[in-house]
Amino acid sequence: MPVLKVIEILSNSDKSWEDAAQKAVSHAAKSLSNIRSIYINEQSAVVENNTIKEYRVNAKITFEVN
């Protein structure tokens, strides 16, 4: 039975929430292997002049511990 660990990552993007989530996974993959899933815990955005300037996600990434 595999052992799994969950870490929490905050990420942002100027394009979309999906891009922010992908950036979280890509950054985590630099130091982790065997990433299994990502759970978006929270989404938010920065608004300036009635326009969204930055998308933010609070994500939980699950990976298998060797």
C-alpha atoms as a PDB file:
ATOM      1  CA  MET A   1       0.000   0.000   0.000  1.00  0.00           C
ATOM      2  CA  PRO A   2       1.528   3.355  -1.010  1.00  0.00           C
ATOM      3  CA  VAL A   3       2.064   6.162   1.457  1.00  0.00           C
ATOM      4  CA  LEU A   4       0.776   9.519   0.262  1.00  0.00           C
ATOM      5  CA  LYS A   5       1.593  13.005   1.510  1.00  0.00           C
ATOM      6  CA  VAL A   6      -0.263  16.278   0.938  1.00  0.00           C
ATOM      7  CA  ILE A   7       1.351  19.706   0.722  1.00  0.00           C
ATOM      8  CA  GLU A   8      -0.310  23.076   0.323  1.00  0.00           C
ATOM      9  CA  ILE A   9       0.856  25.464  -2.397  1.00  0.00           C
ATOM     10  CA  LEU A  10      -0.191  28.997  -3.261  1.00  0.00           C
ATOM     11  CA  SER A  11       0.146  29.939  -6.916  1.00  0.00           C
ATOM     12  CA  ASN A  12      -0.829  32.793  -9.203  1.00  0.00           C
ATOM     13  CA  SER A  13      -1.197  33.587 -12.892  1.00  0.00           C
ATOM     14  CA  ASP A  14      -2.110  36.555 -15.041  1.00  0.00           C
ATOM     15  CA  LYS A  15      -3.989  34.233 -17.473  1.00  0.00           C
ATOM     16  CA  SER A  16      -6.432  31.979 -15.568  1.00  0.00           C
ATOM     17  CA  TRP A  17      -7.102  29.816 -12.526  1.00  0.00           C
ATOM     18  CA  GLU A  18      -6.235  26.764 -14.639  1.00  0.00           C
ATOM     19  CA  ASP A  19      -2.861  28.265 -15.484  1.00  0.00           C
ATOM     20  CA  ALA A  20      -2.246  29.035 -11.798  1.00  0.00           C
ATOM     21  CA  ALA A  21      -3.028  25.387 -10.965  1.00  0.00           C
ATOM     22  CA  GLN A  22      -0.662  24.150 -13.679  1.00  0.00           C
ATOM     23  CA  LYS A  23       2.077  26.433 -12.378  1.00  0.00           C
ATOM     24  CA  ALA A  24       1.594  24.966  -8.891  1.00  0.00           C
ATOM     25  CA  VAL A  25       2.018  21.425 -10.233  1.00  0.00           C
ATOM     26  CA  SER A  26       4.987  22.372 -12.413  1.00  0.00           C
ATOM     27  CA  HIS A  27       6.760  24.090  -9.549  1.00  0.00           C
ATOM     28  CA  ALA A  28       6.088  21.224  -7.131  1.00  0.00           C
ATOM     29  CA  ALA A  29       7.383  18.717  -9.708  1.00  0.00           C
ATOM     30  CA  LYS A  30      10.811  20.382  -9.568  1.00  0.00           C
ATOM     31  CA  SER A  31      11.381  18.859  -6.123  1.00  0.00           C
ATOM     32  CA  LEU A  32       8.726  16.121  -5.883  1.00  0.00           C
ATOM     33  CA  SER A  33       8.086  12.983  -7.875  1.00  0.00           C
ATOM     34  CA  ASN A  34       5.037  10.747  -8.156  1.00  0.00           C
ATOM     35  CA  ILE A  35       2.481  13.579  -7.979  1.00  0.00           C
ATOM     36  CA  ARG A  36      -0.948  11.963  -7.943  1.00  0.00           C
ATOM     37  CA  SER A  37      -3.482  14.789  -7.744  1.00  0.00           C
ATOM     38  CA  ILE A  38      -4.204  18.441  -7.112  1.00  0.00           C
ATOM     39  CA  TYR A  39      -7.170  19.720  -5.121  1.00  0.00           C
ATOM     40  CA  ILE A  40      -8.060  23.389  -5.502  1.00  0.00           C
ATOM     41  CA  ASN A  41      -8.983  24.488  -2.017  1.00  0.00           C
ATOM     42  CA  GLU A  42      -9.673  28.138  -2.811  1.00  0.00           C
ATOM     43  CA  GLN A  43      -9.677  30.558  -5.733  1.00  0.00           C
ATOM     44  CA  SER A  44      -9.330  34.331  -5.626  1.00  0.00           C
ATOM     45  CA  ALA A  45      -8.396  37.185  -7.916  1.00  0.00           C
ATOM     46  CA  VAL A  46      -6.833  40.627  -7.753  1.00  0.00           C
ATOM     47  CA  VAL A  47      -8.945  43.308  -9.430  1.00  0.00           C
ATOM     48  CA  GLU A  48      -7.658  46.657 -10.659  1.00  0.00           C
ATOM     49  CA  ASN A  49      -9.780  49.164 -12.586  1.00  0.00           C
ATOM     50  CA  ASN A  50     -12.660  46.664 -12.812  1.00  0.00           C
ATOM     51  CA  THR A  51     -10.415  44.085 -14.522  1.00  0.00           C
ATOM     52  CA  ILE A  52      -8.930  40.880 -13.149  1.00  0.00           C
ATOM     53  CA  LYS A  53      -5.157  41.326 -13.074  1.00  0.00           C
ATOM     54  CA  GLU A  54      -4.127  38.140 -11.256  1.00  0.00           C
ATOM     55  CA  TYR A  55      -5.728  34.748 -10.606  1.00  0.00           C
ATOM     56  CA  ARG A  56      -4.747  32.931  -7.411  1.00  0.00           C
ATOM     57  CA  VAL A  57      -5.258  29.366  -6.210  1.00  0.00           C
ATOM     58  CA  ASN A  58      -4.665  27.689  -2.895  1.00  0.00           C
ATOM     59  CA  ALA A  59      -3.963  24.082  -3.900  1.00  0.00           C
ATOM     60  CA  LYS A  60      -3.289  20.816  -2.112  1.00  0.00           C
ATOM     61  CA  ILE A  61      -0.949  18.518  -4.011  1.00  0.00           C
ATOM     62  CA  THR A  62      -0.847  14.810  -3.228  1.00  0.00           C
ATOM     63  CA  PHE A  63       2.223  12.728  -4.002  1.00  0.00           C
ATOM     64  CA  GLU A  64       3.490   9.249  -3.225  1.00  0.00           C
ATOM     65  CA  VAL A  65       6.322   8.930  -0.712  1.00  0.00           C
ATOM     66  CA  ASN A  66       8.991   6.395  -1.690  1.00  0.00           C
END
